[in-house]
């Protein structure tokens, strides 16, 4: 995504850090407060609380295209039992009916799950009345449940099935919905592995985002070839182009970690006090345990 408004790492509230020690506290906080994504299968195959996943961790639980809501629900139940904070995905296009949506949300809030991630989903055609997240929000159905917060998706590198104009309007609608309904809302982005691309998007959308906090999605540790595969699947074009410019074929089997990316974002957050960027979210392409252990080892 291109944006003439983006010039440098500095923005409103910019200050140059005096030394690396200024950045260290931010870095440690980003790592300690990071969230992860875990599929229902990854969670349900664990029979006891994993010692490599800290209590209180926010764990996003997808509702996969060929999956069942019951699997997502069971995974959330187990995460709650272990002291985690489950954030189930609710894909608008996967909802068969408004009545079914009410049943899903009632069952979640009944066990103590009060935060969700609302996404459009990949179902084509939609299973029910909601073609996208805007239609679901506009229905007023969410207001009938004691939800405390709703996460929505951000797309720093665009979306294969939506124009930049459509993405901008959608984000504006969601922010207005949150403000009108006095709802806690935040943005979790598609994964990226290039700080400059994410920061450029963040600065472009800074005014539009308003008070919405933004969490950068990034891959957990994995091999470069896996990273490129998932990037192609998800339409993460700009990060791939930036990576390939300096990539040799012999490097494809080498491990990739988000160390440098997190350090760059810690620096950005340190010198931009008013930034909407508030944290990181890991997509564990190399495995849930590996990503969780990396978080612990990195700080």
Protein backbone atom coordinates (compact mmCIF):
# COMPACT_ATOMS: atom_id res chain seq x y z
CA UNK A 1 0.00 0.00 0.00
CA UNK A 2 1.33 3.42 -0.95
CA UNK A 3 0.80 6.57 1.04
CA UNK A 4 2.28 10.00 0.41
CA UNK A 5 1.56 11.04 3.99
CA UNK A 6 4.13 8.59 5.34
CA UNK A 7 7.61 10.11 5.49
CA UNK A 8 9.55 8.49 8.32
CA UNK A 9 9.32 6.69 11.62
CA UNK A 10 8.62 10.00 13.32
CA UNK A 11 5.08 11.29 13.74
CA UNK A 12 3.01 13.11 16.29
CA UNK A 13 4.62 12.57 19.67
CA UNK A 14 7.94 11.72 18.01
CA UNK A 15 11.08 11.73 20.13
CA UNK A 16 14.44 10.20 19.39
CA UNK A 17 15.44 7.70 22.10
CA UNK A 18 18.55 8.67 24.03
CA UNK A 19 19.87 5.10 24.12
CA UNK A 20 18.90 1.50 23.53
CA UNK A 21 17.84 1.23 27.18
CA UNK A 22 14.84 3.41 26.30
CA UNK A 23 13.63 0.74 23.90
CA UNK A 24 14.21 -2.28 26.15
CA UNK A 25 11.14 -1.77 28.41
CA UNK A 26 8.88 -1.47 25.35
CA UNK A 27 10.37 -4.59 23.84
CA UNK A 28 9.84 -6.60 27.01
CA UNK A 29 6.26 -5.36 27.29
CA UNK A 30 5.45 -6.29 23.69
CA UNK A 31 6.75 -9.81 24.26
CA UNK A 32 5.08 -10.28 27.65
CA UNK A 33 1.67 -9.10 26.41
CA UNK A 34 1.70 -10.80 23.00
CA UNK A 35 -1.28 -12.86 21.92
CA UNK A 36 -1.22 -16.04 19.84
CA UNK A 37 -3.51 -17.91 17.50
CA UNK A 38 -4.26 -21.59 18.11
CA UNK A 39 -6.57 -23.82 16.11
CA UNK A 40 -9.14 -25.92 17.98
CA UNK A 41 -7.15 -29.03 17.02
CA UNK A 42 -3.95 -27.62 18.53
CA UNK A 43 -5.74 -26.84 21.80
CA UNK A 44 -7.84 -29.99 22.10
CA UNK A 45 -4.90 -32.34 21.62
CA UNK A 46 -3.40 -30.91 24.82
CA UNK A 47 -4.76 -32.81 27.81
CA UNK A 48 -3.18 -30.65 30.50
CA UNK A 49 -2.29 -26.98 30.76
CA UNK A 50 0.94 -26.44 28.81
CA UNK A 51 3.78 -25.09 30.93
CA UNK A 52 5.06 -23.14 27.91
CA UNK A 53 1.93 -20.99 27.70
CA UNK A 54 1.53 -18.37 30.42
CA UNK A 55 -1.75 -17.95 32.29
CA UNK A 56 -3.55 -14.82 31.17
CA UNK A 57 -2.34 -15.11 27.56
CA UNK A 58 -4.87 -14.03 24.96
CA UNK A 59 -5.37 -16.97 22.59
CA UNK A 60 -7.34 -16.42 19.41
CA UNK A 61 -9.27 -19.52 18.33
CA UNK A 62 -10.23 -19.72 14.64
CA UNK A 63 -13.52 -21.09 13.34
CA UNK A 64 -12.02 -22.82 10.33
CA UNK A 65 -13.84 -23.01 6.96
CA UNK A 66 -14.45 -26.76 7.24
CA UNK A 67 -14.75 -26.75 11.01
CA UNK A 68 -17.68 -26.68 13.41
CA UNK A 69 -18.49 -24.02 15.98
CA UNK A 70 -18.58 -26.74 18.63
CA UNK A 71 -14.84 -27.33 18.12
CA UNK A 72 -14.08 -23.65 18.65
CA UNK A 73 -16.34 -23.63 21.72
CA UNK A 74 -14.65 -26.67 23.27
CA UNK A 75 -11.23 -25.14 22.71
CA UNK A 76 -12.37 -21.93 24.43
CA UNK A 77 -13.69 -23.96 27.37
CA UNK A 78 -10.35 -25.68 27.80
CA UNK A 79 -8.36 -22.45 27.54
CA UNK A 80 -10.55 -20.88 30.22
CA UNK A 81 -9.91 -23.87 32.48
CA UNK A 82 -6.18 -23.26 32.07
CA UNK A 83 -6.42 -19.58 32.93
CA UNK A 84 -6.05 -18.25 29.39
CA UNK A 85 -8.23 -15.61 27.72
CA UNK A 86 -9.82 -17.22 24.65
CA UNK A 87 -10.86 -14.96 21.75
CA UNK A 88 -12.99 -17.01 19.34
CA UNK A 89 -13.27 -16.02 15.70
CA UNK A 90 -16.80 -15.35 14.49
CA UNK A 91 -16.76 -15.44 10.66
CA UNK A 92 -19.82 -13.54 9.43
CA UNK A 93 -20.21 -15.65 6.28
CA UNK A 94 -20.20 -18.89 8.29
CA UNK A 95 -23.26 -17.92 10.38
CA UNK A 96 -26.31 -19.89 9.12
CA UNK A 97 -28.90 -17.57 10.69
CA UNK A 98 -29.29 -14.77 13.19
CA UNK A 99 -30.88 -17.25 15.59
CA UNK A 100 -27.78 -19.43 15.32
CA UNK A 101 -25.54 -16.43 15.98
CA UNK A 102 -27.50 -15.72 19.17
CA UNK A 103 -27.05 -19.35 20.27
CA UNK A 104 -23.31 -19.20 19.65
CA UNK A 105 -22.84 -15.93 21.51
CA UNK A 106 -25.08 -17.02 24.39
CA UNK A 107 -23.10 -20.23 24.83
CA UNK A 108 -19.81 -18.32 24.82
CA UNK A 109 -20.83 -15.63 27.28
CA UNK A 110 -22.43 -18.28 29.51
CA UNK A 111 -19.02 -19.87 30.13
CA UNK A 112 -17.25 -16.54 30.53
CA UNK A 113 -16.02 -15.68 27.03
CA UNK A 114 -16.81 -11.99 26.51
CA UNK A 115 -14.44 -11.02 23.70
CA UNK A 116 -14.58 -12.12 20.06
CA UNK A 117 -12.74 -11.49 16.80
CA UNK A 118 -15.24 -10.62 14.09
CA UNK A 119 -14.09 -11.44 10.56
CA UNK A 120 -15.78 -11.88 7.20
CA UNK A 121 -14.61 -15.46 6.71
CA UNK A 122 -13.98 -17.42 3.53
CA UNK A 123 -17.35 -19.13 3.04
CA UNK A 124 -18.67 -18.70 -0.51
CA UNK A 125 -21.54 -18.21 -0.83
CA UNK A 126 -22.39 -17.09 2.73
CA UNK A 127 -24.10 -19.75 4.83
CA UNK A 128 -26.72 -17.26 5.99
CA UNK A 129 -27.79 -13.62 6.02
CA UNK A 130 -24.40 -11.98 6.62
CA UNK A 131 -22.19 -11.33 3.60
CA UNK A 132 -19.54 -9.52 5.63
CA UNK A 133 -18.76 -8.07 9.05
CA UNK A 134 -20.54 -4.80 8.28
CA UNK A 135 -23.82 -6.62 7.68
CA UNK A 136 -23.47 -8.47 10.97
CA UNK A 137 -22.66 -5.31 12.90
CA UNK A 138 -25.54 -3.44 11.24
CA UNK A 139 -27.99 -6.17 12.28
CA UNK A 140 -27.69 -5.12 15.92
CA UNK A 141 -27.37 -8.75 17.00
CA UNK A 142 -24.16 -8.23 18.98
CA UNK A 143 -25.75 -5.57 21.18
CA UNK A 144 -28.06 -8.22 22.64
CA UNK A 145 -25.17 -9.99 24.34
CA UNK A 146 -22.87 -8.92 27.21
CA UNK A 147 -19.77 -8.72 25.06
CA UNK A 148 -16.95 -6.61 26.45
CA UNK A 149 -14.86 -6.25 23.33
CA UNK A 150 -14.70 -7.00 19.63
CA UNK A 151 -11.57 -7.37 17.56
CA UNK A 152 -11.71 -6.64 13.83
CA UNK A 153 -9.27 -7.29 11.02
CA UNK A 154 -6.79 -4.84 9.51
CA UNK A 155 -5.07 -5.32 6.16
CA UNK A 156 -1.78 -3.38 5.84
CA UNK A 157 -0.98 -5.15 2.58
CA UNK A 158 -4.45 -5.07 1.10
CA UNK A 159 -6.95 -7.87 0.56
CA UNK A 160 -7.27 -10.12 -2.51
CA UNK A 161 -11.05 -9.67 -2.60
CA UNK A 162 -11.45 -6.01 -1.57
CA UNK A 163 -10.24 -2.69 -2.92
CA UNK A 164 -8.38 -0.13 -0.83
CA UNK A 165 -11.51 2.05 -0.96
CA UNK A 166 -13.66 -0.78 0.40
CA UNK A 167 -11.19 -1.55 3.18
CA UNK A 168 -11.06 2.12 4.19
CA UNK A 169 -14.85 2.44 4.29
CA UNK A 170 -15.16 -0.79 6.26
CA UNK A 171 -12.69 0.41 8.88
CA UNK A 172 -14.51 3.74 9.16
CA UNK A 173 -17.83 1.93 9.65
CA UNK A 174 -16.39 -0.29 12.38
CA UNK A 175 -14.86 2.62 14.27
CA UNK A 176 -18.15 4.53 14.09
CA UNK A 177 -20.01 1.44 15.32
CA UNK A 178 -17.67 1.13 18.30
CA UNK A 179 -18.02 4.82 19.17
CA UNK A 180 -21.82 4.82 18.79
CA UNK A 181 -22.23 1.72 20.94
CA UNK A 182 -19.47 2.67 23.40
CA UNK A 183 -17.83 -0.65 22.69
CA UNK A 184 -14.24 -1.68 23.28
CA UNK A 185 -12.89 -2.46 19.80
CA UNK A 186 -9.39 -3.14 18.54
CA UNK A 187 -7.72 -4.04 15.24
CA UNK A 188 -5.64 -7.18 14.67
CA UNK A 189 -3.84 -7.16 11.34
CA UNK A 190 -3.16 -9.86 8.81
CA UNK A 191 0.38 -11.07 9.26
CA UNK A 192 3.29 -9.04 7.97
CA UNK A 193 7.03 -9.44 8.32
CA UNK A 194 8.15 -6.01 7.19
CA UNK A 195 7.98 -3.21 9.75
CA UNK A 196 8.15 -0.40 7.19
CA UNK A 197 5.09 -1.69 5.31
CA UNK A 198 3.06 -1.94 8.51
CA UNK A 199 4.18 1.47 9.78
CA UNK A 200 3.34 3.05 6.44
CA UNK A 201 -0.20 1.65 6.66
CA UNK A 202 -0.48 2.71 10.30
CA UNK A 203 0.53 6.30 9.55
CA UNK A 204 -1.84 6.45 6.56
CA UNK A 205 -4.77 5.29 8.66
CA UNK A 206 -3.81 7.06 11.87
CA UNK A 207 -6.60 9.64 11.70
CA UNK A 208 -9.17 7.11 10.55
CA UNK A 209 -8.27 4.68 13.33
CA UNK A 210 -8.95 7.30 15.97
CA UNK A 211 -8.75 5.66 19.38
CA UNK A 212 -8.78 2.08 18.06
CA UNK A 213 -5.67 0.23 19.25
CA UNK A 214 -3.84 -1.81 16.62
CA UNK A 215 -2.03 -5.12 17.10
CA UNK A 216 0.42 -6.19 14.42
CA UNK A 217 0.01 -9.76 13.26
CA UNK A 218 3.33 -11.47 12.59
CA UNK A 219 4.47 -15.04 11.96
CA UNK A 220 6.03 -17.02 14.75
CA UNK A 221 9.35 -18.79 14.19
CA UNK A 222 9.31 -20.98 11.08
CA UNK A 223 11.36 -21.84 8.01
CA UNK A 224 11.55 -19.22 5.28
CA UNK A 225 9.96 -21.55 2.74
CA UNK A 226 6.94 -22.00 5.04
CA UNK A 227 6.72 -18.26 5.55
CA UNK A 228 6.62 -17.65 1.80
CA UNK A 229 4.00 -20.39 1.35
CA UNK A 230 1.62 -18.91 3.91
CA UNK A 231 2.24 -15.41 2.60
CA UNK A 232 1.18 -16.53 -0.87
CA UNK A 233 -1.94 -18.18 0.55
CA UNK A 234 -2.92 -15.03 2.45
CA UNK A 235 -2.12 -12.46 -0.22
CA UNK A 236 0.73 -10.87 1.73
CA UNK A 237 2.39 -9.49 -1.38
CA UNK A 238 4.46 -6.51 -0.29
CA UNK A 239 6.29 -8.26 2.56
CA UNK A 240 7.17 -11.11 0.21
CA UNK A 241 8.52 -8.71 -2.41
CA UNK A 242 10.65 -6.95 0.19
CA UNK A 243 11.99 -10.27 1.47
CA UNK A 244 12.73 -11.76 -1.95
CA UNK A 245 14.84 -8.78 -2.99
CA UNK A 246 17.62 -9.98 -0.69
CA UNK A 247 16.83 -13.68 -0.55
CA UNK A 248 18.97 -16.45 -2.01
CA UNK A 249 17.54 -19.88 -2.82
CA UNK A 250 19.93 -21.49 -0.35
CA UNK A 251 18.32 -19.50 2.47
CA UNK A 252 14.85 -21.06 2.05
CA UNK A 253 15.59 -23.85 4.52
CA UNK A 254 16.91 -21.48 7.14
CA UNK A 255 14.79 -20.56 10.18
CA UNK A 256 13.04 -17.22 10.38
CA UNK A 257 12.16 -15.53 13.65
CA UNK A 258 10.37 -12.24 14.37
CA UNK A 259 13.18 -10.93 16.59
CA UNK A 260 14.16 -8.05 14.33
CA UNK A 261 10.55 -7.17 13.52
CA UNK A 262 9.63 -6.89 17.22
CA UNK A 263 12.73 -4.79 17.90
CA UNK A 264 11.80 -2.41 15.08
CA UNK A 265 8.26 -2.07 16.41
CA UNK A 266 9.54 -1.46 19.95
CA UNK A 267 11.69 1.35 18.60
CA UNK A 268 8.78 2.80 16.64
CA UNK A 269 6.52 2.70 19.70
CA UNK A 270 9.20 4.33 21.84
CA UNK A 271 9.68 7.32 19.55
CA UNK A 272 5.97 7.71 18.69
CA UNK A 273 4.15 8.13 21.99
CA UNK A 274 0.71 8.67 20.43
CA UNK A 275 0.78 5.74 18.02
CA UNK A 276 -2.27 3.44 17.71
CA UNK A 277 0.15 0.49 17.68
CA UNK A 278 -0.26 -1.29 21.00
CA UNK A 279 1.03 -4.83 20.66
CA UNK A 280 1.80 -7.94 18.64
CA UNK A 281 -0.13 -11.06 17.70
CA UNK A 282 1.63 -14.26 16.61
CA UNK A 283 0.45 -16.63 13.90
CA UNK A 284 2.29 -19.86 14.80
CA UNK A 285 3.04 -21.21 11.33
CA UNK A 286 5.97 -23.15 12.76
CA UNK A 287 3.90 -24.62 15.59
CA UNK A 288 2.10 -23.27 18.66
CA UNK A 289 4.64 -24.59 21.16
CA UNK A 290 7.56 -23.19 19.18
CA UNK A 291 5.97 -19.71 19.02
CA UNK A 292 5.09 -19.71 22.72
CA UNK A 293 8.60 -20.81 23.68
CA UNK A 294 10.09 -18.13 21.43
CA UNK A 295 8.06 -15.49 23.27
CA UNK A 296 9.40 -16.70 26.60
CA UNK A 297 12.97 -17.05 25.40
CA UNK A 298 13.03 -13.69 23.65
CA UNK A 299 12.50 -11.85 26.92
